[in-house]
Amino acid sequence: MADIRFDGKVAIVTGAGGGLGRQHALELARRGAKVLVNDLGGSMDGSGGGSDAANKVVEEIKALGGEAIANGSSVTDDAGVALMVKQAMDAWGRIDILIANAGVLRDKSFSKMTIEDFEFVLGVHLLGTVKPTKAVWEIMKEQNYGRIVVTTSSSGLYGNFGQSNYGAAKLGIVGFMNTIKLEGQKNNIHINAVSPVAATRMTEGLMPPEVLAKLAPEYVTPGVVFLASDEAPTGAILTAGAGAFALSRIIETEGVYLGEGGLSVDEVRDNWGKITDETGQKAYFAGGEQGQKFFRKMAGG
């Protein structure tokens, strides 16, 4: 099979000044894409700022013979996001790919976490995904082509102590993806999520050095770049780390119809085994499929 190429395509990668985003930007450029490298350049908790990190990645891409421009906007700032999109459009006249990678951490147990820390992390991860997506959406619709890769996490999919803010944001991103994958289908806009495990600033200190060495960001990037390609699926949650890849799905059991007359809490308790029976469980592509199942069961199916 032919190599996956991005010649003539334009990509925006947020949070691309280091770690995962840098690797994504470099690999897209190696395969022919023109890349806008976005990075606020702040610290891990979101303070500070500047585009020096983005400028360095742009220079790396140019050294490879590629085309790139730097942007230092915050993904939570409406004017900054608009500028990011304007820069790409002014330079290249189209935007084919958005990789929403920017993120921060402010970890604490829920009892010790402030609402400000909760709102800040939610804003950077969730709205920092929504705002760039909204800014490129009409461009992609008009082109009748778009590939969007959002970044979720096992903390959102499965939970992680001390990350209620991060987990809420990361599962919120999946909910966002699950709707716009449907809305983008008629215009050939595919959106997928990656759930990475990688050694970056956000994971330093959480694992021993010998483990971190096996979790280099470049072991995640091949999956992300595939999700940005012409051949990408839509609505997939790809988990990736250390060169291993898997698909995560939200599964619903077949369940049981308990009827309407005399329905009680006791019946739910007494039928818990049937409700949770994994036989015939499915991963739905759209919410309406769940409703169809309920109507089927109500009709005796």
C-alpha atoms as a PDB file:
ATOM      1  CA  MET A   1       0.000   0.000   0.000  1.00  0.00           C
ATOM      2  CA  ALA A   2       1.084   3.576  -0.674  1.00  0.00           C
ATOM      3  CA  ASP A   3       2.486   5.708   2.138  1.00  0.00           C
ATOM      4  CA  ILE A   4       0.045   8.069   3.841  1.00  0.00           C
ATOM      5  CA  ARG A   5       0.804  11.575   2.595  1.00  0.00           C
ATOM      6  CA  PHE A   6      -0.514  15.058   3.301  1.00  0.00           C
ATOM      7  CA  ASP A   7       0.834  16.941   0.304  1.00  0.00           C
ATOM      8  CA  GLY A   8      -1.218  20.077  -0.333  1.00  0.00           C
ATOM      9  CA  LYS A   9      -2.970  19.809   3.033  1.00  0.00           C
ATOM     10  CA  VAL A  10      -2.844  22.315   5.887  1.00  0.00           C
ATOM     11  CA  ALA A  11      -2.847  21.308   9.550  1.00  0.00           C
ATOM     12  CA  ILE A  12      -3.265  23.217  12.807  1.00  0.00           C
ATOM     13  CA  VAL A  13      -1.802  21.511  15.870  1.00  0.00           C
ATOM     14  CA  THR A  14      -2.520  23.117  19.249  1.00  0.00           C
ATOM     15  CA  GLY A  15      -0.137  22.721  22.154  1.00  0.00           C
ATOM     16  CA  ALA A  16       2.566  21.796  19.646  1.00  0.00           C
ATOM     17  CA  GLY A  17       5.558  23.440  21.305  1.00  0.00           C
ATOM     18  CA  GLY A  18       6.650  20.191  22.955  1.00  0.00           C
ATOM     19  CA  GLY A  19       5.664  16.641  23.862  1.00  0.00           C
ATOM     20  CA  LEU A  20       2.897  15.012  21.883  1.00  0.00           C
ATOM     21  CA  GLY A  21       1.907  18.089  19.887  1.00  0.00           C
ATOM     22  CA  ARG A  22       5.460  18.656  18.671  1.00  0.00           C
ATOM     23  CA  GLN A  23       5.728  15.071  17.461  1.00  0.00           C
ATOM     24  CA  HIS A  24       2.348  15.306  15.697  1.00  0.00           C
ATOM     25  CA  ALA A  25       3.395  18.531  13.957  1.00  0.00           C
ATOM     26  CA  LEU A  26       6.770  17.138  12.872  1.00  0.00           C
ATOM     27  CA  GLU A  27       5.302  13.925  11.464  1.00  0.00           C
ATOM     28  CA  LEU A  28       2.583  15.758   9.531  1.00  0.00           C
ATOM     29  CA  ALA A  29       5.267  18.014   8.082  1.00  0.00           C
ATOM     30  CA  ARG A  30       7.504  15.055   7.179  1.00  0.00           C
ATOM     31  CA  ARG A  31       4.574  13.645   5.210  1.00  0.00           C
ATOM     32  CA  GLY A  32       3.978  16.845   3.274  1.00  0.00           C
ATOM     33  CA  ALA A  33       1.548  18.932   5.331  1.00  0.00           C
ATOM     34  CA  LYS A  34       1.911  22.651   5.896  1.00  0.00           C
ATOM     35  CA  VAL A  35       1.609  23.149   9.648  1.00  0.00           C
ATOM     36  CA  LEU A  36       0.515  25.967  11.914  1.00  0.00           C
ATOM     37  CA  VAL A  37       2.272  25.270  15.214  1.00  0.00           C
ATOM     38  CA  ASN A  38       0.241  26.681  18.094  1.00  0.00           C
ATOM     39  CA  ASP A  39       1.633  26.897  21.602  1.00  0.00           C
ATOM     40  CA  LEU A  40       0.985  29.395  24.366  1.00  0.00           C
ATOM     41  CA  GLY A  41       4.338  28.514  25.894  1.00  0.00           C
ATOM     42  CA  GLY A  42       3.007  28.596  29.439  1.00  0.00           C
ATOM     43  CA  SER A  43       3.870  26.388  32.381  1.00  0.00           C
ATOM     44  CA  MET A  44       2.116  23.084  33.029  1.00  0.00           C
ATOM     45  CA  ASP A  45      -0.565  24.786  35.170  1.00  0.00           C
ATOM     46  CA  GLY A  46      -1.306  27.278  32.412  1.00  0.00           C
ATOM     47  CA  SER A  47       0.499  30.323  33.798  1.00  0.00           C
ATOM     48  CA  GLY A  48       2.930  32.373  31.742  1.00  0.00           C
ATOM     49  CA  GLY A  49       2.984  32.427  27.972  1.00  0.00           C
ATOM     50  CA  GLY A  50       4.883  33.176  24.807  1.00  0.00           C
ATOM     51  CA  SER A  51       5.431  31.568  21.427  1.00  0.00           C
ATOM     52  CA  ASP A  52       9.147  30.693  21.749  1.00  0.00           C
ATOM     53  CA  ALA A  53       8.316  26.982  21.957  1.00  0.00           C
ATOM     54  CA  ALA A  54       6.187  27.207  18.802  1.00  0.00           C
ATOM     55  CA  ASN A  55       8.951  29.106  16.985  1.00  0.00           C
ATOM     56  CA  LYS A  56      11.463  26.352  17.779  1.00  0.00           C
ATOM     57  CA  VAL A  57       9.205  23.666  16.294  1.00  0.00           C
ATOM     58  CA  VAL A  58       8.667  25.811  13.196  1.00  0.00           C
ATOM     59  CA  GLU A  59      12.436  25.993  12.756  1.00  0.00           C
ATOM     60  CA  GLU A  60      12.650  22.197  13.089  1.00  0.00           C
ATOM     61  CA  ILE A  61      10.042  21.782  10.374  1.00  0.00           C
ATOM     62  CA  LYS A  62      11.806  24.237   8.083  1.00  0.00           C
ATOM     63  CA  ALA A  63      15.064  22.360   8.629  1.00  0.00           C
ATOM     64  CA  LEU A  64      13.261  19.261   7.315  1.00  0.00           C
ATOM     65  CA  GLY A  65      12.327  21.213   4.199  1.00  0.00           C
ATOM     66  CA  GLY A  66       8.725  21.759   5.273  1.00  0.00           C
ATOM     67  CA  GLU A  67       6.477  24.801   5.604  1.00  0.00           C
ATOM     68  CA  ALA A  68       5.254  26.022   8.992  1.00  0.00           C
ATOM     69  CA  ILE A  69       4.215  29.128  10.900  1.00  0.00           C
ATOM     70  CA  ALA A  70       4.048  29.755  14.645  1.00  0.00           C
ATOM     71  CA  ASN A  71       1.140  31.008  16.716  1.00  0.00           C
ATOM     72  CA  GLY A  72       1.178  31.827  20.420  1.00  0.00           C
ATOM     73  CA  SER A  73      -2.571  32.150  21.049  1.00  0.00           C
ATOM     74  CA  SER A  74      -4.397  30.625  23.984  1.00  0.00           C
ATOM     75  CA  VAL A  75      -6.967  28.088  22.802  1.00  0.00           C
ATOM     76  CA  THR A  76      -9.423  29.578  25.314  1.00  0.00           C
ATOM     77  CA  ASP A  77      -9.194  33.101  23.863  1.00  0.00           C
ATOM     78  CA  ASP A  78     -11.733  33.841  21.133  1.00  0.00           C
ATOM     79  CA  ALA A  79      -9.626  36.532  19.480  1.00  0.00           C
ATOM     80  CA  GLY A  80      -6.509  34.360  19.716  1.00  0.00           C
ATOM     81  CA  VAL A  81      -8.259  31.391  18.114  1.00  0.00           C
ATOM     82  CA  ALA A  82      -9.583  33.636  15.339  1.00  0.00           C
ATOM     83  CA  LEU A  83      -6.044  34.918  14.737  1.00  0.00           C
ATOM     84  CA  MET A  84      -4.714  31.358  14.574  1.00  0.00           C
ATOM     85  CA  VAL A  85      -7.218  30.427  11.881  1.00  0.00           C
ATOM     86  CA  LYS A  86      -6.659  33.708  10.011  1.00  0.00           C
ATOM     87  CA  GLN A  87      -2.899  33.090   9.940  1.00  0.00           C
ATOM     88  CA  ALA A  88      -3.379  29.661   8.382  1.00  0.00           C
ATOM     89  CA  MET A  89      -5.926  30.912   5.855  1.00  0.00           C
ATOM     90  CA  ASP A  90      -3.832  33.955   4.906  1.00  0.00           C
ATOM     91  CA  ALA A  91      -0.751  31.783   4.408  1.00  0.00           C
ATOM     92  CA  TRP A  92      -2.267  28.766   2.667  1.00  0.00           C
ATOM     93  CA  GLY A  93      -5.946  29.414   1.878  1.00  0.00           C
ATOM     94  CA  ARG A  94      -7.372  26.276   3.482  1.00  0.00           C
ATOM     95  CA  ILE A  95      -7.405  24.197   6.678  1.00  0.00           C
ATOM     96  CA  ASP A  96      -7.731  20.431   6.307  1.00  0.00           C
ATOM     97  CA  ILE A  97      -6.663  19.110   9.699  1.00  0.00           C
ATOM     98  CA  LEU A  98      -7.075  20.229  13.296  1.00  0.00           C
ATOM     99  CA  ILE A  99      -5.331  18.341  16.078  1.00  0.00           C
ATOM    100  CA  ALA A 100      -6.610  19.683  19.396  1.00  0.00           C
ATOM    101  CA  ASN A 101      -3.831  18.722  21.771  1.00  0.00           C
ATOM    102  CA  ALA A 102      -3.318  21.699  24.129  1.00  0.00           C
ATOM    103  CA  GLY A 103      -3.804  20.988  27.809  1.00  0.00           C
ATOM    104  CA  VAL A 104      -2.902  21.749  31.413  1.00  0.00           C
ATOM    105  CA  LEU A 105      -3.033  20.000  34.775  1.00  0.00           C
ATOM    106  CA  ARG A 106      -4.083  21.241  38.201  1.00  0.00           C
ATOM    107  CA  ASP A 107      -4.351  17.998  40.134  1.00  0.00           C
ATOM    108  CA  LYS A 108      -5.807  17.750  43.642  1.00  0.00           C
ATOM    109  CA  SER A 109      -8.322  15.530  45.364  1.00  0.00           C
ATOM    110  CA  PHE A 110     -11.845  16.846  44.911  1.00  0.00           C
ATOM    111  CA  SER A 111     -12.121  17.917  48.557  1.00  0.00           C
ATOM    112  CA  LYS A 112      -9.010  20.106  48.199  1.00  0.00           C
ATOM    113  CA  MET A 113      -9.675  21.400  44.683  1.00  0.00           C
ATOM    114  CA  THR A 114     -10.955  24.937  44.224  1.00  0.00           C
ATOM    115  CA  ILE A 115     -13.764  25.704  41.798  1.00  0.00           C
ATOM    116  CA  GLU A 116     -11.341  28.064  40.038  1.00  0.00           C
ATOM    117  CA  ASP A 117      -8.973  25.148  39.349  1.00  0.00           C
ATOM    118  CA  PHE A 118     -11.903  23.058  38.146  1.00  0.00           C
ATOM    119  CA  GLU A 119     -13.183  25.753  35.796  1.00  0.00           C
ATOM    120  CA  PHE A 120      -9.721  26.564  34.470  1.00  0.00           C
ATOM    121  CA  VAL A 121      -8.893  22.977  33.486  1.00  0.00           C
ATOM    122  CA  LEU A 122     -12.383  22.493  32.037  1.00  0.00           C
ATOM    123  CA  GLY A 123     -11.920  25.671  30.012  1.00  0.00           C
ATOM    124  CA  VAL A 124      -8.525  24.765  28.551  1.00  0.00           C
ATOM    125  CA  HIS A 125      -9.365  21.173  27.663  1.00  0.00           C
ATOM    126  CA  LEU A 126     -13.044  21.296  26.733  1.00  0.00           C
ATOM    127  CA  LEU A 127     -13.569  24.847  25.459  1.00  0.00           C
ATOM    128  CA  GLY A 128      -9.984  24.816  24.193  1.00  0.00           C
ATOM    129  CA  THR A 129     -11.124  21.987  21.926  1.00  0.00           C
ATOM    130  CA  VAL A 130     -14.538  23.422  21.076  1.00  0.00           C
ATOM    131  CA  LYS A 131     -13.333  26.923  20.126  1.00  0.00           C
ATOM    132  CA  PRO A 132     -10.711  25.902  17.523  1.00  0.00           C
ATOM    133  CA  THR A 133     -13.134  23.307  16.132  1.00  0.00           C
ATOM    134  CA  LYS A 134     -15.860  25.933  15.795  1.00  0.00           C
ATOM    135  CA  ALA A 135     -13.382  28.289  14.114  1.00  0.00           C
ATOM    136  CA  VAL A 136     -12.464  25.770  11.392  1.00  0.00           C
ATOM    137  CA  TRP A 137     -15.870  24.098  11.036  1.00  0.00           C
ATOM    138  CA  GLU A 138     -17.376  26.278   8.304  1.00  0.00           C
ATOM    139  CA  ILE A 139     -14.078  26.257   6.403  1.00  0.00           C
ATOM    140  CA  MET A 140     -14.082  22.459   6.408  1.00  0.00           C
ATOM    141  CA  LYS A 141     -17.757  22.325   5.426  1.00  0.00           C
ATOM    142  CA  GLU A 142     -17.138  24.625   2.467  1.00  0.00           C
ATOM    143  CA  GLN A 143     -14.155  22.505   1.389  1.00  0.00           C
ATOM    144  CA  ASN A 144     -16.252  19.361   1.856  1.00  0.00           C
ATOM    145  CA  TYR A 145     -13.268  17.927   3.720  1.00  0.00           C
ATOM    146  CA  GLY A 146     -11.910  17.960   7.240  1.00  0.00           C
ATOM    147  CA  ARG A 147     -10.101  15.779   9.724  1.00  0.00           C
ATOM    148  CA  ILE A 148     -10.235  16.638  13.426  1.00  0.00           C
ATOM    149  CA  VAL A 149      -8.419  14.745  16.177  1.00  0.00           C
ATOM    150  CA  VAL A 150      -9.337  15.608  19.762  1.00  0.00           C
ATOM    151  CA  THR A 151      -7.487  14.443  22.850  1.00  0.00           C
ATOM    152  CA  THR A 152      -9.239  12.526  25.602  1.00  0.00           C
ATOM    153  CA  SER A 153      -7.687  10.548  28.482  1.00  0.00           C
ATOM    154  CA  SER A 154      -8.065   7.400  30.524  1.00  0.00           C
ATOM    155  CA  SER A 155      -8.811   9.790  33.406  1.00  0.00           C
ATOM    156  CA  GLY A 156     -12.005  10.764  31.614  1.00  0.00           C
ATOM    157  CA  LEU A 157     -12.840   7.336  30.222  1.00  0.00           C
ATOM    158  CA  TYR A 158     -12.168   5.401  33.418  1.00  0.00           C
ATOM    159  CA  GLY A 159     -11.241   7.844  36.220  1.00  0.00           C
ATOM    160  CA  ASN A 160      -8.063   8.738  38.065  1.00  0.00           C
ATOM    161  CA  PHE A 161      -7.587   9.895  41.655  1.00  0.00           C
ATOM    162  CA  GLY A 162      -7.001  13.637  41.948  1.00  0.00           C
ATOM    163  CA  GLN A 163      -8.193  14.483  38.434  1.00  0.00           C
ATOM    164  CA  SER A 164     -11.915  15.211  38.718  1.00  0.00           C
ATOM    165  CA  ASN A 165     -11.446  18.462  36.763  1.00  0.00           C
ATOM    166  CA  TYR A 166      -9.277  16.869  34.061  1.00  0.00           C
ATOM    167  CA  GLY A 167     -11.460  13.757  33.844  1.00  0.00           C
ATOM    168  CA  ALA A 168     -14.667  15.770  33.492  1.00  0.00           C
ATOM    169  CA  ALA A 169     -13.132  17.817  30.680  1.00  0.00           C
ATOM    170  CA  LYS A 170     -11.716  14.803  28.884  1.00  0.00           C
ATOM    171  CA  LEU A 171     -14.984  12.853  28.879  1.00  0.00           C
ATOM    172  CA  GLY A 172     -16.791  16.042  27.878  1.00  0.00           C
ATOM    173  CA  ILE A 173     -14.598  16.093  24.771  1.00  0.00           C
ATOM    174  CA  VAL A 174     -15.855  12.601  23.886  1.00  0.00           C
ATOM    175  CA  GLY A 175     -19.451  13.782  24.236  1.00  0.00           C
ATOM    176  CA  PHE A 176     -18.662  16.720  21.958  1.00  0.00           C
ATOM    177  CA  MET A 177     -17.070  14.401  19.401  1.00  0.00           C
ATOM    178  CA  ASN A 178     -20.006  12.000  19.470  1.00  0.00           C
ATOM    179  CA  THR A 179     -22.387  14.692  18.236  1.00  0.00           C
ATOM    180  CA  ILE A 180     -20.260  16.540  15.709  1.00  0.00           C
ATOM    181  CA  LYS A 181     -19.178  13.261  14.097  1.00  0.00           C
ATOM    182  CA  LEU A 182     -22.831  12.964  13.056  1.00  0.00           C
ATOM    183  CA  GLU A 183     -23.135  16.578  11.946  1.00  0.00           C
ATOM    184  CA  GLY A 184     -19.929  16.433   9.904  1.00  0.00           C
ATOM    185  CA  GLN A 185     -20.665  13.257   7.948  1.00  0.00           C
ATOM    186  CA  LYS A 186     -22.419  14.873   4.993  1.00  0.00           C
ATOM    187  CA  ASN A 187     -19.451  17.198   4.453  1.00  0.00           C
ATOM    188  CA  ASN A 188     -16.739  14.529   4.738  1.00  0.00           C
ATOM    189  CA  ILE A 189     -15.569  15.854   8.117  1.00  0.00           C
ATOM    190  CA  HIS A 190     -14.267  13.013  10.263  1.00  0.00           C
ATOM    191  CA  ILE A 191     -13.549  13.528  13.962  1.00  0.00           C
ATOM    192  CA  ASN A 192     -11.792  11.039  16.199  1.00  0.00           C
ATOM    193  CA  ALA A 193     -10.259  11.017  19.666  1.00  0.00           C
ATOM    194  CA  VAL A 194      -6.921   9.798  20.934  1.00  0.00           C
ATOM    195  CA  SER A 195      -6.342   8.746  24.531  1.00  0.00           C
ATOM    196  CA  PRO A 196      -2.555   8.853  24.872  1.00  0.00           C
ATOM    197  CA  VAL A 197      -0.187   7.501  27.489  1.00  0.00           C
ATOM    198  CA  ALA A 198       3.094   9.337  26.979  1.00  0.00           C
ATOM    199  CA  ALA A 199       6.040  10.860  28.807  1.00  0.00           C
ATOM    200  CA  THR A 200       5.464  14.619  28.645  1.00  0.00           C
ATOM    201  CA  ARG A 201       5.628  17.536  31.075  1.00  0.00           C
ATOM    202  CA  MET A 202       2.192  16.455  32.268  1.00  0.00           C
ATOM    203  CA  THR A 203       3.365  12.963  33.256  1.00  0.00           C
ATOM    204  CA  GLU A 204       6.821  13.745  34.644  1.00  0.00           C
ATOM    205  CA  GLY A 205       7.053  12.677  38.273  1.00  0.00           C
ATOM    206  CA  LEU A 206       4.101  10.302  37.966  1.00  0.00           C
ATOM    207  CA  MET A 207       6.169   7.320  36.793  1.00  0.00           C
ATOM    208  CA  PRO A 208       9.748   6.063  37.185  1.00  0.00           C
ATOM    209  CA  PRO A 209      12.284   7.206  34.526  1.00  0.00           C
ATOM    210  CA  GLU A 210      12.677   3.709  33.060  1.00  0.00           C
ATOM    211  CA  VAL A 211       8.911   3.558  32.429  1.00  0.00           C
ATOM    212  CA  LEU A 212       8.792   7.070  30.998  1.00  0.00           C
ATOM    213  CA  ALA A 213      11.521   6.093  28.514  1.00  0.00           C
ATOM    214  CA  LYS A 214       9.188   3.470  27.043  1.00  0.00           C
ATOM    215  CA  LEU A 215       6.382   6.032  26.743  1.00  0.00           C
ATOM    216  CA  ALA A 216       7.986   8.448  24.299  1.00  0.00           C
ATOM    217  CA  PRO A 217       5.443  10.730  22.554  1.00  0.00           C
ATOM    218  CA  GLU A 218       6.573   9.507  19.143  1.00  0.00           C
ATOM    219  CA  TYR A 219       5.051   6.101  19.966  1.00  0.00           C
ATOM    220  CA  VAL A 220       1.593   7.753  20.024  1.00  0.00           C
ATOM    221  CA  THR A 221       1.957   9.963  16.952  1.00  0.00           C
ATOM    222  CA  PRO A 222       1.482   7.273  14.248  1.00  0.00           C
ATOM    223  CA  GLY A 223      -2.038   6.640  15.530  1.00  0.00           C
ATOM    224  CA  VAL A 224      -2.867  10.343  15.636  1.00  0.00           C
ATOM    225  CA  VAL A 225      -1.546  10.964  12.138  1.00  0.00           C
ATOM    226  CA  PHE A 226      -3.597   8.027  10.805  1.00  0.00           C
ATOM    227  CA  LEU A 227      -6.709   9.591  12.372  1.00  0.00           C
ATOM    228  CA  ALA A 228      -5.869  12.801  10.484  1.00  0.00           C
ATOM    229  CA  SER A 229      -5.563  11.013   7.121  1.00  0.00           C
ATOM    230  CA  ASP A 230      -7.967  10.493   4.221  1.00  0.00           C
ATOM    231  CA  GLU A 231      -8.480   6.904   5.412  1.00  0.00           C
ATOM    232  CA  ALA A 232      -9.516   7.854   8.951  1.00  0.00           C
ATOM    233  CA  PRO A 233     -12.693   6.429  10.491  1.00  0.00           C
ATOM    234  CA  THR A 234     -15.004   8.763  12.363  1.00  0.00           C
ATOM    235  CA  GLY A 235     -16.089   8.655  15.997  1.00  0.00           C
ATOM    236  CA  ALA A 236     -13.303   6.338  17.142  1.00  0.00           C
ATOM    237  CA  ILE A 237     -11.517   6.583  20.492  1.00  0.00           C
ATOM    238  CA  LEU A 238      -7.997   5.308  19.916  1.00  0.00           C
ATOM    239  CA  THR A 239      -5.951   4.513  23.006  1.00  0.00           C
ATOM    240  CA  ALA A 240      -2.205   4.657  22.421  1.00  0.00           C
ATOM    241  CA  GLY A 241       1.047   4.314  24.330  1.00  0.00           C
ATOM    242  CA  ALA A 242       4.456   2.637  24.110  1.00  0.00           C
ATOM    243  CA  GLY A 243       3.665   1.493  20.567  1.00  0.00           C
ATOM    244  CA  ALA A 244       0.448  -0.293  21.613  1.00  0.00           C
ATOM    245  CA  PHE A 245      -2.940   0.727  20.199  1.00  0.00           C
ATOM    246  CA  ALA A 246      -6.508  -0.237  21.124  1.00  0.00           C
ATOM    247  CA  LEU A 247     -10.065   0.992  20.616  1.00  0.00           C
ATOM    248  CA  SER A 248     -12.130   2.238  23.542  1.00  0.00           C
ATOM    249  CA  ARG A 249     -15.923   2.123  23.333  1.00  0.00           C
ATOM    250  CA  ILE A 250     -18.912   3.041  25.474  1.00  0.00           C
ATOM    251  CA  ILE A 251     -20.885  -0.189  25.750  1.00  0.00           C
ATOM    252  CA  GLU A 252     -24.553  -0.647  26.649  1.00  0.00           C
ATOM    253  CA  THR A 253     -26.063  -3.963  27.731  1.00  0.00           C
ATOM    254  CA  GLU A 254     -29.219  -5.325  26.131  1.00  0.00           C
ATOM    255  CA  GLY A 255     -30.998  -4.899  29.465  1.00  0.00           C
ATOM    256  CA  VAL A 256     -34.509  -5.997  30.390  1.00  0.00           C
ATOM    257  CA  TYR A 257     -38.009  -4.535  30.017  1.00  0.00           C
ATOM    258  CA  LEU A 258     -39.775  -4.427  33.381  1.00  0.00           C
ATOM    259  CA  GLY A 259     -43.034  -2.934  32.167  1.00  0.00           C
ATOM    260  CA  GLU A 260     -44.845   0.178  33.316  1.00  0.00           C
ATOM    261  CA  GLY A 261     -47.687  -0.977  35.549  1.00  0.00           C
ATOM    262  CA  GLY A 262     -46.555  -1.383  39.130  1.00  0.00           C
ATOM    263  CA  LEU A 263     -42.915  -0.702  38.278  1.00  0.00           C
ATOM    264  CA  SER A 264     -40.956  -0.285  41.495  1.00  0.00           C
ATOM    265  CA  VAL A 265     -37.490   0.231  42.837  1.00  0.00           C
ATOM    266  CA  ASP A 266     -37.620  -3.323  44.173  1.00  0.00           C
ATOM    267  CA  GLU A 267     -38.040  -4.692  40.639  1.00  0.00           C
ATOM    268  CA  VAL A 268     -34.940  -2.817  39.524  1.00  0.00           C
ATOM    269  CA  ARG A 269     -33.011  -4.342  42.439  1.00  0.00           C
ATOM    270  CA  ASP A 270     -34.373  -7.832  41.832  1.00  0.00           C
ATOM    271  CA  ASN A 271     -33.494  -7.669  38.112  1.00  0.00           C
ATOM    272  CA  TRP A 272     -30.056  -6.102  38.490  1.00  0.00           C
ATOM    273  CA  GLY A 273     -28.403  -9.261  37.184  1.00  0.00           C
ATOM    274  CA  LYS A 274     -30.449  -9.097  33.952  1.00  0.00           C
ATOM    275  CA  ILE A 275     -29.890  -5.340  33.576  1.00  0.00           C
ATOM    276  CA  THR A 276     -26.134  -5.796  33.792  1.00  0.00           C
ATOM    277  CA  ASP A 277     -25.885  -9.052  31.795  1.00  0.00           C
ATOM    278  CA  GLU A 278     -23.191  -8.485  29.149  1.00  0.00           C
ATOM    279  CA  THR A 279     -24.778 -10.881  26.625  1.00  0.00           C
ATOM    280  CA  GLY A 280     -25.617  -8.972  23.447  1.00  0.00           C
ATOM    281  CA  GLN A 281     -24.166  -5.668  24.625  1.00  0.00           C
ATOM    282  CA  LYS A 282     -23.400  -3.070  21.929  1.00  0.00           C
ATOM    283  CA  ALA A 283     -21.480   0.115  21.252  1.00  0.00           C
ATOM    284  CA  TYR A 284     -23.931   2.530  19.646  1.00  0.00           C
ATOM    285  CA  PHE A 285     -22.872   5.073  17.029  1.00  0.00           C
ATOM    286  CA  ALA A 286     -25.711   7.500  17.810  1.00  0.00           C
ATOM    287  CA  GLY A 287     -28.039   8.100  20.737  1.00  0.00           C
ATOM    288  CA  GLY A 288     -31.136   7.218  18.732  1.00  0.00           C
ATOM    289  CA  GLU A 289     -30.053   3.584  18.676  1.00  0.00           C
ATOM    290  CA  GLN A 290     -30.624   3.412  22.427  1.00  0.00           C
ATOM    291  CA  GLY A 291     -34.136   4.784  22.004  1.00  0.00           C
ATOM    292  CA  GLN A 292     -34.861   2.244  19.265  1.00  0.00           C
ATOM    293  CA  LYS A 293     -33.854  -0.548  21.639  1.00  0.00           C
ATOM    294  CA  PHE A 294     -36.189   0.727  24.358  1.00  0.00           C
ATOM    295  CA  PHE A 295     -39.122   0.873  21.906  1.00  0.00           C
ATOM    296  CA  ARG A 296     -38.272  -2.627  20.685  1.00  0.00           C
ATOM    297  CA  LYS A 297     -38.254  -3.999  24.215  1.00  0.00           C
ATOM    298  CA  MET A 298     -41.505  -2.204  25.016  1.00  0.00           C
ATOM    299  CA  ALA A 299     -43.040  -3.932  22.000  1.00  0.00           C
ATOM    300  CA  GLY A 300     -41.871  -7.297  23.295  1.00  0.00           C
ATOM    301  CA  GLY A 301     -38.767  -7.601  21.122  1.00  0.00           C
END
